[in-house]
Amino acid sequence: MKKWIILLACMLLTLSACAPKFNQEEQVVQETDNKKQKAIIPKYNISNSYYRTILPFQPGEARGLVVENVNTRLDMDEFELGLMRIAQEKFSPSQYLFQQGQYLDRKTIESWLKRKQGNGEGLNPALRNEGTNAEKNKKSPLYISHILEHNYLVKTGNDKVKLGGVVIGLAMNSVHYYETEEGYPREVKISKSDMEKEGKKAAAEIVSRLRQIDGLKEVPIVVGLFEQQPKSSIVPGHFFAVGYVDKGSNDIQDWEKINEEYYVFPSDEAEKNHRDDLVKFLNLKSDIEEFFPNYTGVIGRAFYRDDQLQQLTIDIVMQFYGKTEVIGFTQYVTGLLMEKMPDYMPISVYISSVRGPESIIIKNPDQNEPFVHIYQP
């Protein structure tokens, strides 16, 4: 039987990780327009897919605002991680360091997210004066729900680092929620064409404003547009476009389409677009549900980029009557993954019960054995 390996907490992220790299800790001086301060580049890098974060940790000026403005936890996580994926196309993790946004504070972002009124800075459209509240909201929905800033630092030699680039994420609403005059909740679906048009329009204005901020007049800027899912969704949203601004430029030179999508397994959408992968999941689901007479719920979330499967996450909820059942079931599922699922398919399985998490199985294409962890009481 496969040996058990305790899964480190850092491996819970679904991105494939490479072997950790241990280097000498570096002491550097971080330079900004107005000051210099000592900082440390961590010696430990768990993956080429992740950025090292410069220390001491500097909280973002708008830290925590994403929780208030984004609909679901799934969207929050994907919004941040997806923005990092976009950054890697321009700022290599081997050369750049990550820092939370230091230039757009909470007050600024909240002001930009408001509706346009008079000479105000709001980027969302103003409500029209005529008509009922429903008519106004249908004609002028809130398109932008959040603005997220990431900073990327680069070494300049002589043990110094400075800002090397800024990445901005715009979370766009696919559904606008509002209330009638009587207080009844209502919603308006926003078309993808309107979402894209308004997102690009807002992005151009944001770039212009960033160039007016000290420290941001010359650095490269990347802007990503993220489609937020409805509040009831069980899958996260995805980025659908990215724009690049060269050093010193005030304009987005070009927009590139991003082909990313999440699917629920099983679902009609998965049946239509990724039937082969769905069939493999359904066969696995059938084998899992035959193991115990107890009720078993098996749901999958598949992430695709350019129509290629990047990650399959499977949640299994089951009623257990003892730890030996958890061990036996986890062993059984691990065997199914190794024997029946293709080697190319990266899979994360989270097994839980009414008591909470019970075990985790992580199978990556470049590993001969999966990582398995059984939670202890």
Protein backbone atom coordinates (compact mmCIF):
# COMPACT_ATOMS: atom_id res chain seq x y z
CA MET A 1 0.00 0.00 0.00
CA LYS A 2 1.18 3.50 -0.72
CA LYS A 3 3.01 5.07 2.19
CA TRP A 4 1.35 7.97 3.97
CA ILE A 5 2.91 11.39 3.70
CA ILE A 6 1.71 14.21 5.89
CA LEU A 7 0.60 17.03 3.66
CA LEU A 8 2.11 20.38 4.55
CA ALA A 9 -0.39 23.18 4.91
CA CYS A 10 1.24 25.09 2.10
CA MET A 11 0.35 22.31 -0.34
CA LEU A 12 -3.36 22.81 0.14
CA LEU A 13 -3.26 25.28 -2.72
CA THR A 14 -4.21 23.50 -5.89
CA LEU A 15 -1.37 24.80 -8.04
CA SER A 16 1.27 22.16 -8.73
CA ALA A 17 4.33 22.70 -6.56
CA CYS A 18 7.94 21.95 -7.27
CA ALA A 19 10.59 20.91 -4.77
CA PRO A 20 11.37 23.57 -2.14
CA LYS A 21 14.44 25.71 -2.75
CA PHE A 22 16.67 26.75 0.13
CA ASN A 23 18.87 29.78 -0.46
CA GLN A 24 20.63 32.23 1.76
CA GLU A 25 18.39 34.85 3.31
CA GLU A 26 19.09 38.24 1.75
CA GLN A 27 19.03 41.60 3.46
CA VAL A 28 18.21 44.44 1.09
CA VAL A 29 17.12 48.05 1.09
CA GLN A 30 13.68 48.77 -0.34
CA GLU A 31 13.62 52.06 -2.20
CA THR A 32 10.56 54.20 -2.78
CA ASP A 33 10.27 57.79 -3.95
CA ASN A 34 10.37 59.19 -0.44
CA LYS A 35 12.19 56.72 1.79
CA LYS A 36 14.47 53.74 2.18
CA GLN A 37 13.96 50.89 4.61
CA LYS A 38 15.69 47.63 5.37
CA ALA A 39 13.93 44.47 4.19
CA ILE A 40 14.56 40.72 3.94
CA ILE A 41 14.07 38.37 1.00
CA PRO A 42 13.04 34.98 2.46
CA LYS A 43 15.40 32.07 1.80
CA TYR A 44 12.57 29.53 1.40
CA ASN A 45 10.68 29.20 -1.87
CA ILE A 46 8.15 26.35 -1.99
CA SER A 47 7.51 26.53 -5.73
CA ASN A 48 8.47 28.22 -8.96
CA SER A 49 4.75 29.01 -9.30
CA TYR A 50 4.72 31.29 -6.25
CA TYR A 51 6.32 34.62 -5.53
CA ARG A 52 8.43 35.20 -2.46
CA THR A 53 7.04 37.96 -0.25
CA ILE A 54 9.44 40.60 1.00
CA LEU A 55 9.71 40.98 4.78
CA PRO A 56 8.72 42.58 7.05
CA PHE A 57 5.21 42.03 5.72
CA GLN A 58 3.56 45.26 4.62
CA PRO A 59 -0.26 44.97 4.70
CA GLY A 60 -2.05 46.38 1.69
CA GLU A 61 -3.52 49.84 2.05
CA ALA A 62 -6.97 48.36 1.28
CA ARG A 63 -6.46 45.08 3.13
CA GLY A 64 -9.72 43.21 3.84
CA LEU A 65 -11.87 45.23 1.44
CA VAL A 66 -12.11 42.27 -0.95
CA VAL A 67 -14.13 40.39 1.68
CA GLU A 68 -16.76 43.12 1.65
CA ASN A 69 -17.01 43.51 -2.13
CA VAL A 70 -16.70 40.00 -3.63
CA ASN A 71 -19.67 37.63 -3.49
CA THR A 72 -18.18 34.31 -2.38
CA ARG A 73 -15.05 32.87 -0.79
CA LEU A 74 -14.43 30.93 -3.99
CA ASP A 75 -14.39 34.17 -5.98
CA MET A 76 -12.11 35.84 -3.43
CA ASP A 77 -9.49 33.10 -3.68
CA GLU A 78 -9.63 32.83 -7.47
CA PHE A 79 -9.55 36.61 -7.89
CA GLU A 80 -6.27 36.84 -5.96
CA LEU A 81 -4.61 33.66 -7.24
CA GLY A 82 -5.74 34.31 -10.80
CA LEU A 83 -4.26 37.80 -10.65
CA MET A 84 -0.94 36.23 -9.65
CA ARG A 85 -1.14 33.87 -12.64
CA ILE A 86 -1.62 36.89 -14.90
CA ALA A 87 1.35 38.64 -13.27
CA GLN A 88 3.65 35.72 -14.10
CA GLU A 89 3.33 36.45 -17.82
CA LYS A 90 5.00 39.82 -17.27
CA PHE A 91 6.85 39.49 -13.96
CA SER A 92 8.70 36.20 -13.50
CA PRO A 93 8.57 34.71 -9.95
CA SER A 94 12.31 33.99 -10.29
CA GLN A 95 13.09 37.69 -10.65
CA TYR A 96 10.30 39.55 -8.85
CA LEU A 97 9.03 39.67 -5.28
CA PHE A 98 5.40 40.07 -4.24
CA GLN A 99 3.99 42.81 -2.06
CA GLN A 100 0.39 43.73 -1.33
CA GLY A 101 -0.77 46.98 -2.92
CA GLN A 102 0.74 50.03 -1.26
CA TYR A 103 -0.68 52.82 -3.42
CA LEU A 104 -4.48 52.48 -3.53
CA ASP A 105 -5.90 52.82 -0.03
CA ARG A 106 -9.36 51.84 1.16
CA LYS A 107 -10.78 55.34 0.80
CA THR A 108 -9.58 55.64 -2.79
CA ILE A 109 -10.95 52.26 -3.89
CA GLU A 110 -14.29 52.88 -2.20
CA SER A 111 -14.50 56.24 -3.97
CA TRP A 112 -13.73 54.67 -7.36
CA LEU A 113 -16.35 51.95 -6.88
CA LYS A 114 -19.16 54.44 -6.33
CA ARG A 115 -21.58 55.56 -8.98
CA LYS A 116 -20.56 58.55 -11.06
CA GLN A 117 -22.06 61.70 -9.56
CA GLY A 118 -21.16 65.18 -10.66
CA ASN A 119 -17.37 65.56 -10.48
CA GLY A 120 -16.96 62.50 -8.33
CA GLU A 121 -14.47 59.72 -9.04
CA GLY A 122 -17.03 56.90 -9.27
CA LEU A 123 -16.46 54.45 -12.13
CA ASN A 124 -19.89 52.84 -12.01
CA PRO A 125 -22.69 54.57 -13.98
CA ALA A 126 -25.00 57.02 -12.27
CA LEU A 127 -28.64 56.08 -11.74
CA ARG A 128 -31.02 57.86 -14.05
CA ASN A 129 -33.56 60.21 -12.53
CA GLU A 130 -36.65 58.90 -14.28
CA GLY A 131 -38.49 55.61 -13.67
CA THR A 132 -38.89 53.18 -10.79
CA ASN A 133 -35.94 51.84 -8.84
CA ALA A 134 -36.17 48.62 -10.85
CA GLU A 135 -36.09 50.51 -14.15
CA LYS A 136 -33.12 52.59 -13.01
CA ASN A 137 -31.09 49.57 -11.89
CA LYS A 138 -31.84 47.61 -15.05
CA LYS A 139 -30.58 50.46 -17.21
CA SER A 140 -27.59 51.31 -14.98
CA PRO A 141 -26.34 48.24 -13.07
CA LEU A 142 -23.18 48.25 -10.96
CA TYR A 143 -20.54 46.74 -13.22
CA ILE A 144 -17.45 46.89 -11.01
CA SER A 145 -17.53 45.31 -7.57
CA HIS A 146 -13.88 45.52 -6.52
CA ILE A 147 -10.43 46.81 -7.48
CA LEU A 148 -7.40 44.83 -6.30
CA GLU A 149 -3.79 46.04 -6.44
CA HIS A 150 -0.66 43.85 -6.39
CA ASN A 151 2.90 45.22 -6.38
CA TYR A 152 5.95 43.41 -7.77
CA LEU A 153 9.44 44.37 -6.63
CA VAL A 154 12.70 43.76 -8.47
CA LYS A 155 16.34 43.78 -7.37
CA THR A 156 18.36 46.64 -8.80
CA GLY A 157 21.82 45.59 -7.64
CA ASN A 158 23.83 46.71 -4.61
CA ASP A 159 21.38 44.86 -2.36
CA LYS A 160 18.47 47.13 -3.25
CA VAL A 161 14.91 46.46 -4.45
CA LYS A 162 12.35 48.80 -5.94
CA LEU A 163 8.89 48.67 -7.49
CA GLY A 164 9.11 46.87 -10.83
CA GLY A 165 5.45 46.66 -11.80
CA VAL A 166 1.83 46.96 -10.72
CA VAL A 167 -1.00 44.54 -11.45
CA ILE A 168 -4.62 45.67 -11.09
CA GLY A 169 -7.60 43.33 -10.99
CA LEU A 170 -11.15 44.50 -11.72
CA ALA A 171 -13.88 42.22 -10.38
CA MET A 172 -16.85 42.62 -12.74
CA ASN A 173 -20.40 41.69 -11.75
CA SER A 174 -22.22 39.10 -13.83
CA VAL A 175 -25.31 39.83 -11.72
CA HIS A 176 -26.31 43.19 -10.19
CA TYR A 177 -28.28 42.95 -6.94
CA TYR A 178 -30.61 45.72 -5.76
CA GLU A 179 -33.84 46.30 -3.83
CA THR A 180 -37.19 47.71 -4.91
CA GLU A 181 -38.75 50.70 -3.18
CA GLU A 182 -40.60 48.19 -0.96
CA GLY A 183 -37.35 46.51 0.06
CA TYR A 184 -37.71 43.33 -2.05
CA PRO A 185 -34.42 41.90 -3.35
CA ARG A 186 -34.06 41.81 -7.11
CA GLU A 187 -31.28 41.08 -9.58
CA VAL A 188 -30.23 41.99 -13.12
CA LYS A 189 -28.09 39.73 -15.26
CA ILE A 190 -25.25 41.56 -17.02
CA SER A 191 -24.25 40.43 -20.49
CA LYS A 192 -20.64 39.49 -21.16
CA SER A 193 -20.38 42.08 -23.89
CA ASP A 194 -21.49 44.89 -21.55
CA MET A 195 -19.22 43.54 -18.82
CA GLU A 196 -16.21 43.59 -21.14
CA LYS A 197 -17.01 47.02 -22.58
CA GLU A 198 -17.44 48.64 -19.17
CA GLY A 199 -14.41 46.84 -17.75
CA LYS A 200 -12.10 48.08 -20.50
CA LYS A 201 -13.52 51.58 -20.20
CA ALA A 202 -12.88 51.62 -16.43
CA ALA A 203 -9.41 50.10 -16.88
CA ALA A 204 -8.35 52.94 -19.19
CA GLU A 205 -9.48 55.52 -16.63
CA ILE A 206 -7.73 53.70 -13.77
CA VAL A 207 -4.44 53.59 -15.67
CA SER A 208 -4.70 57.32 -16.26
CA ARG A 209 -5.26 57.91 -12.55
CA LEU A 210 -2.41 55.61 -11.52
CA ARG A 211 0.00 57.66 -13.62
CA GLN A 212 -0.83 60.67 -11.45
CA ILE A 213 0.37 58.90 -8.28
CA ASP A 214 3.95 59.40 -7.09
CA GLY A 215 5.91 56.24 -7.70
CA LEU A 216 3.62 54.95 -10.46
CA LYS A 217 4.44 57.37 -13.27
CA GLU A 218 6.88 55.07 -15.06
CA VAL A 219 6.38 51.44 -13.98
CA PRO A 220 4.72 48.82 -16.24
CA ILE A 221 1.06 48.17 -15.41
CA VAL A 222 -1.04 45.07 -16.06
CA VAL A 223 -4.85 45.10 -15.78
CA GLY A 224 -6.96 41.93 -15.57
CA LEU A 225 -10.75 41.70 -15.92
CA PHE A 226 -12.44 39.09 -13.71
CA GLU A 227 -15.99 37.81 -14.16
CA GLN A 228 -17.51 37.36 -10.72
CA GLN A 229 -20.08 34.58 -10.32
CA PRO A 230 -23.56 34.95 -8.77
CA LYS A 231 -23.86 34.59 -5.00
CA SER A 232 -25.41 31.13 -5.37
CA SER A 233 -22.60 29.70 -7.52
CA ILE A 234 -20.59 26.68 -6.30
CA VAL A 235 -17.71 27.42 -8.68
CA PRO A 236 -15.54 30.55 -8.78
CA GLY A 237 -15.40 33.11 -11.53
CA HIS A 238 -12.51 33.59 -13.94
CA PHE A 239 -10.37 36.21 -15.67
CA PHE A 240 -11.40 36.83 -19.26
CA ALA A 241 -9.14 39.65 -20.49
CA VAL A 242 -5.79 41.25 -19.69
CA GLY A 243 -4.33 44.56 -20.84
CA TYR A 244 -0.70 45.71 -20.79
CA VAL A 245 0.69 49.20 -20.25
CA ASP A 246 4.36 49.75 -21.08
CA LYS A 247 6.74 51.64 -18.84
CA GLY A 248 5.92 55.35 -19.00
CA SER A 249 2.86 54.89 -21.23
CA ASN A 250 -0.59 56.17 -20.29
CA ASP A 251 -2.53 53.82 -22.54
CA ILE A 252 -3.32 50.12 -22.64
CA GLN A 253 -1.57 49.06 -25.85
CA ASP A 254 -3.54 45.88 -26.42
CA TRP A 255 -6.01 43.51 -24.80
CA GLU A 256 -5.57 39.75 -24.81
CA LYS A 257 -8.38 37.28 -24.29
CA ILE A 258 -7.98 34.84 -21.40
CA ASN A 259 -9.63 31.47 -21.95
CA GLU A 260 -10.29 30.18 -18.44
CA GLU A 261 -13.40 28.51 -17.05
CA TYR A 262 -14.61 26.46 -14.10
CA TYR A 263 -17.13 23.63 -14.48
CA VAL A 264 -19.16 21.65 -11.99
CA PHE A 265 -18.93 17.87 -12.41
CA PRO A 266 -21.53 16.64 -13.16
CA SER A 267 -23.39 19.37 -15.06
CA ASP A 268 -24.94 20.01 -18.46
CA GLU A 269 -22.17 22.50 -19.28
CA ALA A 270 -19.48 19.91 -18.56
CA GLU A 271 -21.36 17.33 -20.63
CA LYS A 272 -21.43 19.73 -23.56
CA ASN A 273 -17.86 21.03 -23.45
CA HIS A 274 -15.71 18.39 -21.72
CA ARG A 275 -17.51 15.10 -22.02
CA ASP A 276 -14.43 12.84 -21.93
CA ASP A 277 -13.21 14.26 -18.62
CA LEU A 278 -16.74 14.14 -17.24
CA VAL A 279 -17.09 10.44 -18.11
CA LYS A 280 -13.87 9.67 -16.20
CA PHE A 281 -15.21 11.57 -13.21
CA LEU A 282 -18.59 9.81 -13.36
CA ASN A 283 -16.91 6.39 -13.44
CA LEU A 284 -14.84 7.37 -10.41
CA LYS A 285 -17.94 8.70 -8.67
CA SER A 286 -19.78 5.43 -9.30
CA ASP A 287 -16.92 3.37 -7.83
CA ILE A 288 -16.72 5.64 -4.78
CA GLU A 289 -20.45 5.45 -4.06
CA GLU A 290 -20.37 1.65 -4.15
CA PHE A 291 -17.76 1.36 -1.41
CA PHE A 292 -19.99 1.98 1.62
CA PRO A 293 -23.77 1.60 2.02
CA ASN A 294 -23.74 4.99 3.76
CA TYR A 295 -24.75 8.03 1.77
CA THR A 296 -21.91 9.55 -0.19
CA GLY A 297 -21.96 12.90 -1.97
CA VAL A 298 -19.35 13.44 -4.67
CA ILE A 299 -18.99 16.80 -6.44
CA GLY A 300 -16.18 17.94 -8.73
CA ARG A 301 -14.90 21.37 -9.77
CA ALA A 302 -12.74 21.39 -12.89
CA PHE A 303 -10.55 24.31 -13.91
CA TYR A 304 -9.67 24.69 -17.60
CA ARG A 305 -7.25 27.02 -19.32
CA ASP A 306 -7.29 27.11 -23.13
CA ASP A 307 -9.67 24.12 -22.95
CA GLN A 308 -7.01 22.02 -21.17
CA LEU A 309 -7.74 20.63 -17.70
CA GLN A 310 -5.50 22.28 -15.12
CA GLN A 311 -7.02 20.98 -11.89
CA LEU A 312 -9.86 18.71 -10.79
CA THR A 313 -11.00 19.22 -7.20
CA ILE A 314 -13.33 16.59 -5.74
CA ASP A 315 -15.32 17.05 -2.53
CA ILE A 316 -16.62 13.89 -0.90
CA VAL A 317 -19.06 14.12 2.00
CA MET A 318 -19.78 10.87 3.82
CA GLN A 319 -21.08 9.54 7.14
CA PHE A 320 -18.40 7.64 9.05
CA TYR A 321 -18.73 5.54 12.19
CA GLY A 322 -15.14 5.51 13.34
CA LYS A 323 -11.61 6.34 12.29
CA THR A 324 -10.98 2.92 10.78
CA GLU A 325 -13.72 3.65 8.24
CA VAL A 326 -12.02 6.93 7.35
CA ILE A 327 -8.69 5.15 6.85
CA GLY A 328 -10.22 2.35 4.79
CA PHE A 329 -12.23 4.73 2.62
CA THR A 330 -9.25 7.03 2.05
CA GLN A 331 -7.12 4.06 1.01
CA TYR A 332 -9.81 2.91 -1.38
CA VAL A 333 -10.18 6.33 -3.03
CA THR A 334 -6.40 6.67 -3.30
CA GLY A 335 -6.24 3.35 -5.13
CA LEU A 336 -8.98 4.43 -7.53
CA LEU A 337 -7.14 7.64 -8.36
CA MET A 338 -3.91 5.80 -9.12
CA GLU A 339 -5.48 2.94 -11.07
CA LYS A 340 -8.36 4.54 -12.96
CA MET A 341 -7.61 8.21 -13.45
CA PRO A 342 -5.18 9.37 -16.20
CA ASP A 343 -1.66 10.32 -15.14
CA TYR A 344 -1.97 13.75 -16.76
CA MET A 345 -4.94 14.73 -14.61
CA PRO A 346 -4.03 16.73 -11.44
CA ILE A 347 -6.57 15.86 -8.75
CA SER A 348 -7.22 17.07 -5.21
CA VAL A 349 -9.71 15.12 -3.09
CA TYR A 350 -11.17 16.50 0.14
CA ILE A 351 -13.05 13.95 2.26
CA SER A 352 -15.28 15.26 5.06
CA SER A 353 -18.16 14.29 7.33
CA VAL A 354 -20.56 16.12 9.62
CA ARG A 355 -17.64 16.38 12.05
CA GLY A 356 -15.55 18.31 9.55
CA PRO A 357 -12.50 17.46 7.38
CA GLU A 358 -11.43 13.81 7.57
CA SER A 359 -8.67 13.36 4.98
CA ILE A 360 -6.97 14.85 1.92
CA ILE A 361 -5.50 13.23 -1.19
CA ILE A 362 -3.36 15.18 -3.67
CA LYS A 363 -2.34 13.54 -6.96
CA ASN A 364 -0.06 15.50 -9.30
CA PRO A 365 1.10 14.37 -12.76
CA ASP A 366 4.81 14.54 -11.85
CA GLN A 367 4.52 12.34 -8.74
CA ASN A 368 4.69 8.55 -8.48
CA GLU A 369 2.75 8.58 -5.23
CA PRO A 370 0.00 10.89 -3.99
CA PHE A 371 0.20 13.00 -0.88
CA VAL A 372 -2.25 11.70 1.70
CA HIS A 373 -3.15 13.13 5.09
CA ILE A 374 -5.71 11.80 7.58
CA TYR A 375 -6.76 14.31 10.20
CA GLN A 376 -6.27 13.18 13.78
CA PRO A 377 -8.83 13.96 16.50
